[in-house]
């Protein structure tokens, strides 16, 4: 005990001497006329340490009419794969606070350009046309393949060539619309009669089944979600495959910082298995890998 007290006393005396020496030196260099700064109290130090870091609000643009992806449930709550995944990402990024703003799918990219929102979350595929105007994060949170969807028992359509002269339903500004529009650029403006969808995604089944349109294009996971009674079927081979990413404003430093932060979290979610669990819960399968399922 005496040894402990002696060491403590010696250390205290050393600190006092050192402190006096520093103060004397400071006073000497300033002519001894400058008053010493008042030491910070323990209460002030605790308050300063307790103050939270600045949090940046991020407005996320998404939709309400894509079953299991971004939709309003029976309790009036916005939920789905995209929504719940971003909520999880938000909990792992304390420097950001995500706020969801819903709108029609066709308005999402324009709202991003005009800075009404800060990122788009609506299972967006990365393609060359979009890359010309927008920035994407690097770590994909899903990956899927597009195919032709027709009424059950319709075996006359297998390829895009078989859709010439037929009506094909798609969402404006969607990746599937881009496939059809690119085909028409190469084969004639009206080769495929594109019908841009105004209603919800689950109206697709009714339009194809009743013959108002002949087909649609959709990602491989979509069919069981929008067609639980199996009135439609996927035909032909894969038309395209793509990574699913978040969309940001291009050449924008804050957007790039956010994009990098989200990439880090998605990598964590893949490693700890959370991403696969969220995908399976909402989409019925783990569609987060580019490997063929």
Protein backbone atom coordinates (compact mmCIF):
# COMPACT_ATOMS: atom_id res chain seq x y z
CA UNK A 1 0.00 0.00 0.00
CA UNK A 2 2.85 2.37 0.92
CA UNK A 3 4.51 1.65 -2.44
CA UNK A 4 1.32 2.51 -4.28
CA UNK A 5 0.89 5.76 -2.42
CA UNK A 6 4.52 6.73 -3.01
CA UNK A 7 4.28 6.11 -6.75
CA UNK A 8 1.03 8.03 -6.98
CA UNK A 9 2.46 10.95 -5.04
CA UNK A 10 5.58 11.03 -7.17
CA UNK A 11 3.57 10.98 -10.37
CA UNK A 12 1.34 13.79 -9.13
CA UNK A 13 4.37 15.94 -8.20
CA UNK A 14 5.93 15.29 -11.59
CA UNK A 15 2.77 16.43 -13.39
CA UNK A 16 2.53 19.56 -11.22
CA UNK A 17 6.16 20.47 -11.91
CA UNK A 18 5.77 19.82 -15.62
CA UNK A 19 2.61 21.90 -15.66
CA UNK A 20 4.31 24.79 -13.87
CA UNK A 21 7.24 24.64 -16.24
CA UNK A 22 4.97 24.85 -19.29
CA UNK A 23 2.96 27.70 -17.83
CA UNK A 24 6.09 29.65 -16.95
CA UNK A 25 7.45 29.15 -20.43
CA UNK A 26 4.19 30.32 -21.95
CA UNK A 27 4.05 33.37 -19.66
CA UNK A 28 7.66 34.20 -20.39
CA UNK A 29 7.21 34.08 -24.14
CA UNK A 30 4.19 36.38 -23.90
CA UNK A 31 5.64 38.80 -21.45
CA UNK A 32 3.65 37.22 -18.67
CA UNK A 33 0.64 39.33 -19.58
CA UNK A 34 -1.61 36.71 -21.20
CA UNK A 35 -4.18 35.14 -18.89
CA UNK A 36 -4.31 31.37 -18.72
CA UNK A 37 -7.31 29.65 -20.37
CA UNK A 38 -9.77 28.27 -17.87
CA UNK A 39 -9.53 24.46 -17.66
CA UNK A 40 -12.50 22.49 -19.07
CA UNK A 41 -14.66 21.07 -16.31
CA UNK A 42 -15.50 17.37 -16.26
CA UNK A 43 -19.18 18.24 -16.87
CA UNK A 44 -18.27 20.26 -19.98
CA UNK A 45 -16.08 17.45 -21.27
CA UNK A 46 -18.86 14.91 -20.76
CA UNK A 47 -21.39 17.13 -22.56
CA UNK A 48 -19.03 17.63 -25.52
CA UNK A 49 -18.39 13.90 -25.78
CA UNK A 50 -22.12 13.13 -25.57
CA UNK A 51 -23.10 15.41 -28.43
CA UNK A 52 -24.12 13.26 -31.45
CA UNK A 53 -22.31 13.53 -34.75
CA UNK A 54 -24.10 15.39 -37.53
CA UNK A 55 -26.62 13.20 -39.33
CA UNK A 56 -27.37 13.70 -43.03
CA UNK A 57 -30.93 13.07 -44.19
CA UNK A 58 -31.24 11.08 -47.41
CA UNK A 59 -34.50 11.08 -49.37
CA UNK A 60 -35.02 7.67 -50.97
CA UNK A 61 -37.30 7.49 -54.00
CA UNK A 62 -39.30 4.30 -54.42
CA UNK A 63 -42.72 3.07 -55.55
CA UNK A 64 -45.85 1.55 -54.04
CA UNK A 65 -47.16 -0.77 -56.76
CA UNK A 66 -44.55 -3.54 -57.06
CA UNK A 67 -45.69 -6.54 -54.99
CA UNK A 68 -43.10 -7.77 -52.47
CA UNK A 69 -40.58 -5.18 -53.65
CA UNK A 70 -42.05 -1.81 -52.71
CA UNK A 71 -45.76 -1.72 -51.89
CA UNK A 72 -48.34 -0.67 -49.31
CA UNK A 73 -49.43 -3.60 -47.14
CA UNK A 74 -52.86 -4.25 -45.62
CA UNK A 75 -51.99 -2.00 -42.68
CA UNK A 76 -51.12 0.93 -44.92
CA UNK A 77 -47.39 0.49 -44.34
CA UNK A 78 -44.73 0.88 -47.02
CA UNK A 79 -42.71 -2.30 -47.10
CA UNK A 80 -41.09 -4.92 -49.38
CA UNK A 81 -37.63 -6.11 -50.37
CA UNK A 82 -36.23 -2.72 -51.37
CA UNK A 83 -37.76 -0.92 -48.39
CA UNK A 84 -36.73 -3.38 -45.69
CA UNK A 85 -33.23 -3.77 -47.10
CA UNK A 86 -32.65 -0.02 -47.01
CA UNK A 87 -34.01 0.13 -43.46
CA UNK A 88 -31.36 -2.42 -42.47
CA UNK A 89 -28.67 -0.46 -44.29
CA UNK A 90 -29.83 2.68 -42.48
CA UNK A 91 -29.33 1.07 -39.06
CA UNK A 92 -25.70 0.37 -39.99
CA UNK A 93 -24.99 3.92 -41.20
CA UNK A 94 -25.48 6.18 -38.14
CA UNK A 95 -24.21 9.19 -40.08
CA UNK A 96 -27.24 9.01 -42.38
CA UNK A 97 -31.01 8.99 -41.87
CA UNK A 98 -33.15 7.59 -44.70
CA UNK A 99 -36.57 9.02 -45.47
CA UNK A 100 -38.77 7.31 -48.08
CA UNK A 101 -40.68 9.27 -50.69
CA UNK A 102 -43.03 7.30 -52.92
CA UNK A 103 -43.99 8.12 -56.49
CA UNK A 104 -44.84 6.55 -59.83
CA UNK A 105 -41.95 4.52 -61.21
CA UNK A 106 -41.72 6.67 -64.35
CA UNK A 107 -41.00 9.77 -62.22
CA UNK A 108 -38.16 8.34 -60.15
CA UNK A 109 -35.21 9.15 -62.38
CA UNK A 110 -36.49 12.63 -63.20
CA UNK A 111 -36.92 13.32 -59.47
CA UNK A 112 -33.31 12.25 -58.95
CA UNK A 113 -32.12 14.64 -61.65
CA UNK A 114 -34.07 17.55 -60.17
CA UNK A 115 -32.76 16.77 -56.65
CA UNK A 116 -36.17 15.99 -55.18
CA UNK A 117 -34.70 12.68 -54.02
CA UNK A 118 -31.13 11.51 -53.34
CA UNK A 119 -31.22 7.92 -54.54
CA UNK A 120 -33.56 5.55 -56.37
CA UNK A 121 -34.45 2.17 -54.85
CA UNK A 122 -36.75 0.20 -57.15
CA UNK A 123 -34.78 -2.92 -58.16
CA UNK A 124 -33.05 -0.84 -60.85
CA UNK A 125 -30.93 -2.63 -63.42
CA UNK A 126 -27.67 -1.14 -64.57
CA UNK A 127 -27.52 -0.76 -68.35
CA UNK A 128 -25.51 1.38 -70.79
CA UNK A 129 -28.38 3.79 -71.43
CA UNK A 130 -28.78 4.60 -67.74
CA UNK A 131 -25.03 4.82 -67.16
CA UNK A 132 -24.86 7.76 -69.54
CA UNK A 133 -26.93 9.90 -67.18
CA UNK A 134 -26.70 8.37 -63.71
CA UNK A 135 -24.26 6.87 -61.25
CA UNK A 136 -24.64 3.43 -59.64
CA UNK A 137 -23.14 1.93 -56.52
CA UNK A 138 -20.72 -0.93 -57.16
CA UNK A 139 -21.90 -3.70 -54.82
CA UNK A 140 -25.01 -5.32 -56.35
CA UNK A 141 -27.74 -6.27 -53.89
CA UNK A 142 -29.53 -8.58 -56.35
CA UNK A 143 -29.04 -10.09 -59.78
CA UNK A 144 -31.60 -11.50 -62.17
CA UNK A 145 -32.49 -12.48 -65.69
CA UNK A 146 -35.23 -11.16 -67.97
CA UNK A 147 -37.49 -13.48 -69.98
CA UNK A 148 -40.69 -13.25 -72.04
CA UNK A 149 -43.93 -13.86 -70.13
CA UNK A 150 -47.10 -15.04 -71.94
CA UNK A 151 -50.43 -16.68 -71.12
CA UNK A 152 -50.31 -20.26 -69.93
CA UNK A 153 -50.36 -22.67 -72.87
CA UNK A 154 -49.15 -20.12 -75.42
CA UNK A 155 -46.19 -21.82 -77.07
CA UNK A 156 -46.15 -19.70 -80.23
CA UNK A 157 -43.81 -17.12 -78.68
CA UNK A 158 -40.25 -18.01 -77.73
CA UNK A 159 -38.09 -15.10 -78.88
CA UNK A 160 -38.27 -11.34 -79.46
CA UNK A 161 -38.68 -12.05 -83.17
CA UNK A 162 -41.91 -13.88 -82.32
CA UNK A 163 -43.22 -10.67 -80.75
CA UNK A 164 -43.16 -8.72 -84.02
CA UNK A 165 -46.59 -7.24 -84.66
CA UNK A 166 -47.74 -8.15 -81.14
CA UNK A 167 -48.58 -5.97 -78.14
CA UNK A 168 -46.10 -6.19 -75.28
CA UNK A 169 -46.78 -4.59 -71.92
CA UNK A 170 -43.95 -2.87 -70.04
CA UNK A 171 -43.27 -0.03 -67.64
CA UNK A 172 -42.02 3.26 -69.04
CA UNK A 173 -38.30 3.88 -68.31
CA UNK A 174 -37.89 0.25 -67.16
CA UNK A 175 -35.00 -1.99 -68.16
CA UNK A 176 -37.50 -4.26 -69.92
CA UNK A 177 -38.78 -1.30 -71.95
CA UNK A 178 -35.20 -0.63 -72.97
CA UNK A 179 -34.88 -4.17 -74.34
CA UNK A 180 -38.00 -3.70 -76.48
CA UNK A 181 -37.04 -0.20 -77.61
CA UNK A 182 -33.57 -1.35 -78.63
CA UNK A 183 -35.12 -4.19 -80.63
CA UNK A 184 -37.37 -1.73 -82.47
CA UNK A 185 -34.42 0.53 -83.25
CA UNK A 186 -32.80 -2.38 -85.07
CA UNK A 187 -35.89 -3.87 -86.71
CA UNK A 188 -38.22 -0.94 -87.33
CA UNK A 189 -40.02 1.47 -85.03
CA UNK A 190 -43.23 -0.55 -84.83
CA UNK A 191 -41.84 -4.06 -85.05
CA UNK A 192 -43.05 -4.75 -81.52
CA UNK A 193 -46.08 -2.75 -80.40
CA UNK A 194 -44.99 -1.50 -76.99
CA UNK A 195 -47.78 -0.77 -74.53
CA UNK A 196 -46.57 1.31 -71.61
CA UNK A 197 -48.15 0.28 -68.37
CA UNK A 198 -50.13 2.74 -66.27
CA UNK A 199 -51.59 0.39 -63.66
CA UNK A 200 -49.97 -1.67 -60.94
CA UNK A 201 -47.73 -4.64 -61.70
CA UNK A 202 -50.41 -7.12 -60.66
CA UNK A 203 -52.65 -5.84 -63.49
CA UNK A 204 -50.27 -7.55 -65.90
CA UNK A 205 -51.87 -10.96 -65.38
CA UNK A 206 -55.32 -9.68 -66.28
CA UNK A 207 -54.15 -7.86 -69.39
CA UNK A 208 -52.31 -10.89 -70.78
CA UNK A 209 -54.97 -13.41 -69.80
CA UNK A 210 -57.78 -11.41 -71.44
CA UNK A 211 -55.73 -10.84 -74.62
CA UNK A 212 -55.47 -7.06 -74.36
CA UNK A 213 -51.73 -7.59 -74.72
CA UNK A 214 -49.80 -10.63 -75.89
CA UNK A 215 -46.84 -10.65 -73.54
CA UNK A 216 -44.59 -8.81 -71.15
CA UNK A 217 -40.96 -9.06 -70.14
CA UNK A 218 -40.02 -9.66 -66.53
CA UNK A 219 -37.20 -10.65 -64.23
CA UNK A 220 -37.16 -14.30 -63.27
CA UNK A 221 -38.32 -13.79 -59.68
CA UNK A 222 -41.37 -11.68 -60.63
CA UNK A 223 -43.70 -14.32 -62.07
CA UNK A 224 -44.63 -16.20 -58.86
CA UNK A 225 -45.14 -12.87 -57.09
CA UNK A 226 -47.56 -11.30 -59.57
CA UNK A 227 -49.13 -14.58 -60.70
CA UNK A 228 -49.70 -16.85 -57.67
CA UNK A 229 -52.45 -18.74 -59.55
CA UNK A 230 -50.04 -19.62 -62.38
CA UNK A 231 -52.05 -18.15 -65.24
CA UNK A 232 -48.87 -17.08 -67.05
CA UNK A 233 -45.63 -18.75 -68.04
CA UNK A 234 -42.06 -17.74 -68.86
CA UNK A 235 -40.91 -18.82 -72.31
CA UNK A 236 -37.73 -18.85 -74.33
CA UNK A 237 -34.22 -18.19 -73.16
CA UNK A 238 -32.72 -15.42 -71.09
CA UNK A 239 -32.99 -12.05 -72.85
CA UNK A 240 -30.59 -10.27 -70.55
CA UNK A 241 -29.10 -10.48 -67.09
CA UNK A 242 -28.19 -7.58 -64.88
CA UNK A 243 -26.98 -6.44 -61.51
CA UNK A 244 -29.52 -4.63 -59.35
CA UNK A 245 -28.11 -1.45 -57.84
CA UNK A 246 -29.05 1.90 -56.36
CA UNK A 247 -29.09 4.94 -58.64
CA UNK A 248 -27.48 8.28 -57.73
CA UNK A 249 -26.82 11.62 -59.36
CA UNK A 250 -23.75 11.53 -61.58
CA UNK A 251 -20.61 13.57 -60.84
CA UNK A 252 -21.90 14.51 -57.40
CA UNK A 253 -19.47 14.24 -54.46
CA UNK A 254 -22.03 13.72 -51.65
CA UNK A 255 -23.77 11.06 -53.77
CA UNK A 256 -20.48 9.26 -54.30
CA UNK A 257 -19.73 9.33 -50.56
CA UNK A 258 -23.15 7.84 -49.82
CA UNK A 259 -22.71 5.25 -52.57
CA UNK A 260 -19.38 4.12 -51.12
CA UNK A 261 -20.87 3.88 -47.63
CA UNK A 262 -23.77 1.75 -48.89
CA UNK A 263 -21.34 -0.52 -50.74
CA UNK A 264 -19.54 -1.21 -47.48
CA UNK A 265 -22.77 -2.19 -45.72
CA UNK A 266 -24.00 -4.40 -48.57
CA UNK A 267 -20.70 -6.29 -48.43
CA UNK A 268 -21.30 -6.83 -44.69
CA UNK A 269 -24.87 -7.99 -45.32
CA UNK A 270 -23.65 -10.55 -47.85
CA UNK A 271 -20.99 -11.84 -45.48
CA UNK A 272 -23.25 -12.23 -42.44
CA UNK A 273 -26.13 -13.71 -44.48
CA UNK A 274 -28.62 -10.91 -43.82
CA UNK A 275 -29.00 -9.99 -47.49
CA UNK A 276 -29.91 -13.53 -48.49
CA UNK A 277 -32.45 -13.76 -45.67
CA UNK A 278 -34.18 -10.53 -46.67
CA UNK A 279 -34.28 -11.68 -50.31
CA UNK A 280 -35.77 -15.06 -49.40
CA UNK A 281 -38.34 -13.47 -47.09
CA UNK A 282 -39.71 -11.07 -49.70
CA UNK A 283 -38.88 -12.64 -53.07
CA UNK A 284 -39.19 -16.33 -52.23
CA UNK A 285 -35.57 -17.06 -53.11
CA UNK A 286 -32.06 -15.76 -52.67
CA UNK A 287 -31.59 -13.69 -55.84
CA UNK A 288 -28.58 -11.81 -54.53
CA UNK A 289 -25.96 -13.80 -56.44
CA UNK A 290 -25.04 -13.64 -60.13
CA UNK A 291 -24.55 -17.41 -60.13
CA UNK A 292 -27.20 -19.36 -62.03
CA UNK A 293 -29.80 -20.63 -59.57
